[in-house]
Amino acid sequence: MQNVLIISGHPNLQESVGNATILHDVAQALPQAEIRRLDTLYPDYQIDVAAEQAALLNADVIVWQFPFSWYSVPGLMKLWIDQVMVHGFAHGSTAKLGGKKLILSFTTGAPQALYATDGFFGHTIEDYLVQFETTARLCNLDLQPPVYTSGISYAGRDDALIAQQKMAAKEHAARLVAALNMLSPESARVA
C-alpha cells in the first residue's frame, strides 16, 4: 500500500456523524494511513505549516475528507489550503507535490436530488468540483474520481436518522477504502 495521508477538514468531529464514522472505518481498514484531524490539531486555527507540508511530502496519495460547506470546504480546511498549499511548495517552478494522487472524499447535508440541473440548487455536485480540478491541475496532482455521500445533515436528527447516516457513512468509507486499494501498486500488478 502506498503512503496514504488523510486531511480531515471537519471543524468539529465531536459533533459529526458522517465524517467521524468515515474516518473511524477507514482507520480500522487502513491502520497504516496517516489521518490528520485539523480540528484536533488546530483548535486555535494556528496551522503548523512545516508539519503539514512534511506530511504531504511523505504521502503518495492525499485524501481531503470534509463536509461540503457552502459548496466548498469548511473554513478551517480553507485556511489549511491557503497556508500550506503555497507557491514554491504546492505549485510553481519549485513545487514538490507533482504526481501525487488526490481524492476528494466528502459529505453533503442536502440530499442528492437537490444537486441536479433541475433540482433546487440548479447544479450537479460535479459542477461544484471545478475549483478542485483547477487546484489539482495547478499543483500537478493526479485528481482521482471523488467519493461522496449526500443527505448527511445536522438538521432534524433523531435516532433513526442517525442510524441511517451512520450506515451511509460506513458505505462511503468502504468505497473510499476500495478506491485507495485500487491505487496501490499491488492491485495494478494483479489487474
Protein backbone atom coordinates (compact mmCIF):
# COMPACT_ATOMS: atom_id res chain seq x y z
CA MET A 1 0.00 0.00 0.00
CA GLN A 2 1.22 3.48 -0.83
CA ASN A 3 1.59 6.13 1.87
CA VAL A 4 -1.91 7.49 2.39
CA LEU A 5 -2.47 10.84 4.08
CA ILE A 6 -6.00 11.87 5.03
CA ILE A 7 -6.61 15.51 5.86
CA SER A 8 -9.82 15.79 7.86
CA GLY A 9 -11.28 19.25 7.40
CA HIS A 10 -14.36 18.85 9.58
CA PRO A 11 -14.41 21.79 12.00
CA ASN A 12 -15.77 19.72 14.92
CA LEU A 13 -15.62 15.94 14.63
CA GLN A 14 -17.12 15.63 18.14
CA GLU A 15 -20.48 16.65 16.62
CA SER A 16 -20.09 14.68 13.40
CA VAL A 17 -21.91 11.52 12.44
CA GLY A 18 -20.84 11.10 8.83
CA ASN A 19 -17.23 12.29 8.74
CA ALA A 20 -16.41 10.79 12.14
CA THR A 21 -17.79 7.40 11.04
CA ILE A 22 -15.93 7.55 7.73
CA LEU A 23 -12.63 8.34 9.43
CA HIS A 24 -13.15 5.65 12.06
CA ASP A 25 -13.89 2.96 9.48
CA VAL A 26 -11.04 3.98 7.18
CA ALA A 27 -8.62 3.96 10.14
CA GLN A 28 -9.80 0.44 11.01
CA ALA A 29 -9.40 -0.80 7.43
CA LEU A 30 -6.12 1.03 6.71
CA PRO A 31 -4.27 1.43 10.02
CA GLN A 32 -1.11 2.48 8.17
CA ALA A 33 -2.84 5.59 6.78
CA GLU A 34 -1.97 8.86 8.49
CA ILE A 35 -5.06 10.83 9.47
CA ARG A 36 -4.58 14.47 10.38
CA ARG A 37 -7.67 15.85 12.13
CA LEU A 38 -7.39 19.59 11.66
CA ASP A 39 -9.99 20.36 14.35
CA THR A 40 -7.94 18.48 16.95
CA LEU A 41 -4.54 19.67 15.77
CA TYR A 42 -5.53 23.31 15.33
CA PRO A 43 -8.46 24.30 17.57
CA ASP A 44 -6.88 27.77 17.67
CA TYR A 45 -6.58 27.86 13.85
CA GLN A 46 -2.79 28.25 14.12
CA ILE A 47 -1.63 25.85 11.38
CA ASP A 48 1.82 24.27 11.75
CA VAL A 49 2.73 24.74 8.11
CA ALA A 50 6.05 22.87 8.30
CA ALA A 51 4.41 19.80 9.88
CA GLU A 52 1.60 19.80 7.31
CA GLN A 53 3.99 20.16 4.39
CA ALA A 54 6.19 17.35 5.75
CA ALA A 55 3.14 15.08 5.95
CA LEU A 56 2.23 15.94 2.36
CA LEU A 57 5.76 15.23 1.14
CA ASN A 58 5.65 11.78 2.76
CA ALA A 59 2.36 10.88 1.07
CA ASP A 60 1.78 9.14 -2.23
CA VAL A 61 -2.00 9.54 -2.00
CA ILE A 62 -3.71 12.51 -0.36
CA VAL A 63 -7.36 12.40 0.70
CA TRP A 64 -9.24 15.55 1.58
CA GLN A 65 -12.08 14.41 3.85
CA PHE A 66 -14.64 17.10 4.63
CA PRO A 67 -18.29 18.06 4.86
CA PHE A 68 -19.39 20.22 1.94
CA SER A 69 -19.69 23.71 3.41
CA TRP A 70 -21.18 26.44 1.27
CA TYR A 71 -20.34 24.29 -1.78
CA SER A 72 -16.68 24.04 -0.87
CA VAL A 73 -14.51 23.12 2.13
CA PRO A 74 -15.12 24.32 5.71
CA GLY A 75 -13.26 27.42 6.90
CA LEU A 76 -10.56 25.53 8.82
CA MET A 77 -9.71 23.45 5.76
CA LYS A 78 -9.73 26.55 3.55
CA LEU A 79 -7.25 28.17 5.93
CA TRP A 80 -5.13 24.99 5.77
CA ILE A 81 -5.16 25.14 1.95
CA ASP A 82 -4.28 28.85 1.97
CA GLN A 83 -1.35 28.43 4.34
CA VAL A 84 0.00 25.01 3.31
CA MET A 85 -0.56 24.79 -0.44
CA VAL A 86 1.57 27.85 -1.21
CA HIS A 87 3.59 28.85 -4.25
CA GLY A 88 7.03 27.26 -4.19
CA PHE A 89 5.75 24.24 -2.29
CA ALA A 90 2.50 23.10 -3.89
CA HIS A 91 2.81 24.92 -7.20
CA GLY A 92 5.28 26.96 -9.19
CA SER A 93 8.71 26.12 -10.56
CA THR A 94 9.90 24.61 -7.26
CA ALA A 95 6.69 22.71 -6.49
CA LYS A 96 7.13 19.47 -4.59
CA LEU A 97 3.76 17.70 -4.80
CA GLY A 98 3.63 16.88 -8.50
CA GLY A 99 2.44 13.39 -9.38
CA LYS A 100 0.83 12.63 -6.02
CA LYS A 101 -2.75 11.40 -6.22
CA LEU A 102 -5.59 13.41 -4.67
CA ILE A 103 -9.01 12.06 -3.72
CA LEU A 104 -11.85 14.32 -2.62
CA SER A 105 -13.98 12.49 -0.06
CA PHE A 106 -16.89 14.49 1.26
CA THR A 107 -20.42 14.51 2.58
CA THR A 108 -23.24 16.90 1.80
CA GLY A 109 -26.08 17.83 4.09
CA ALA A 110 -28.58 18.20 1.26
CA PRO A 111 -29.98 15.11 -0.43
CA GLN A 112 -28.63 14.07 -3.82
CA ALA A 113 -31.87 15.05 -5.61
CA LEU A 114 -31.24 18.73 -4.88
CA TYR A 115 -27.93 18.56 -6.76
CA ALA A 116 -29.28 18.39 -10.30
CA THR A 117 -29.74 20.91 -13.09
CA ASP A 118 -33.48 20.62 -12.48
CA GLY A 119 -33.06 20.37 -8.68
CA PHE A 120 -33.20 23.10 -6.07
CA PHE A 121 -29.55 24.16 -6.50
CA GLY A 122 -29.63 24.09 -10.31
CA HIS A 123 -26.23 22.37 -10.44
CA THR A 124 -24.86 18.87 -10.04
CA ILE A 125 -22.28 18.14 -7.35
CA GLU A 126 -19.72 17.75 -10.12
CA ASP A 127 -20.40 21.36 -11.18
CA TYR A 128 -19.07 22.48 -7.80
CA LEU A 129 -15.84 20.49 -8.15
CA VAL A 130 -14.27 22.67 -10.86
CA GLN A 131 -12.31 24.61 -8.23
CA PHE A 132 -10.75 21.36 -7.00
CA GLU A 133 -9.93 20.28 -10.55
CA THR A 134 -8.19 23.62 -11.08
CA THR A 135 -6.28 23.29 -7.80
CA ALA A 136 -5.14 19.77 -8.72
CA ARG A 137 -4.02 20.96 -12.15
CA LEU A 138 -2.15 23.93 -10.67
CA CYS A 139 -0.36 21.64 -8.20
CA ASN A 140 0.22 18.88 -10.76
CA LEU A 141 -1.78 16.46 -8.59
CA ASP A 142 -3.41 13.43 -10.17
CA LEU A 143 -7.06 14.03 -9.23
CA GLN A 144 -8.96 10.78 -8.79
CA PRO A 145 -12.75 10.35 -9.01
CA PRO A 146 -14.43 11.84 -5.94
CA VAL A 147 -16.09 9.75 -3.25
CA TYR A 148 -19.12 11.48 -1.77
CA THR A 149 -22.35 10.83 0.06
CA SER A 150 -25.31 13.18 0.20
CA GLY A 151 -28.01 13.62 2.80
CA ILE A 152 -25.84 13.61 5.93
CA SER A 153 -27.23 16.66 7.68
CA TYR A 154 -27.31 18.07 11.19
CA ALA A 155 -30.93 19.13 10.75
CA GLY A 156 -33.70 17.17 12.47
CA ARG A 157 -31.53 14.31 13.73
CA ASP A 158 -33.29 11.59 15.65
CA ASP A 159 -32.12 8.06 16.44
CA ALA A 160 -33.48 6.62 13.19
CA LEU A 161 -31.90 9.35 11.07
CA ILE A 162 -28.57 8.99 12.87
CA ALA A 163 -28.63 5.25 12.21
CA GLN A 164 -29.30 5.89 8.50
CA GLN A 165 -26.50 8.43 8.33
CA LYS A 166 -24.05 6.06 10.04
CA MET A 167 -24.94 3.32 7.55
CA ALA A 168 -24.44 5.72 4.63
CA ALA A 169 -21.11 6.82 6.12
CA LYS A 170 -19.98 3.19 6.53
CA GLU A 171 -20.82 2.56 2.86
CA HIS A 172 -18.89 5.73 1.97
CA ALA A 173 -15.87 4.52 3.96
CA ALA A 174 -15.98 1.16 2.16
CA ARG A 175 -15.99 2.95 -1.23
CA LEU A 176 -13.08 5.15 -0.14
CA VAL A 177 -11.06 2.16 1.09
CA ALA A 178 -11.76 0.36 -2.21
CA ALA A 179 -10.59 3.43 -4.16
CA LEU A 180 -7.42 3.62 -2.08
CA ASN A 181 -6.75 -0.09 -2.51
CA MET A 182 -7.13 0.28 -6.28
CA LEU A 183 -4.32 2.83 -6.24
CA SER A 184 -1.84 0.51 -4.58
CA PRO A 185 0.91 -0.95 -6.79
CA GLU A 186 -0.14 -4.47 -5.74
CA SER A 187 -3.61 -4.08 -7.30
CA ALA A 188 -2.06 -2.70 -10.50
CA ARG A 189 0.11 -5.82 -10.85
CA VAL A 190 -2.84 -8.14 -10.24
CA ALA A 191 -5.06 -6.45 -12.82
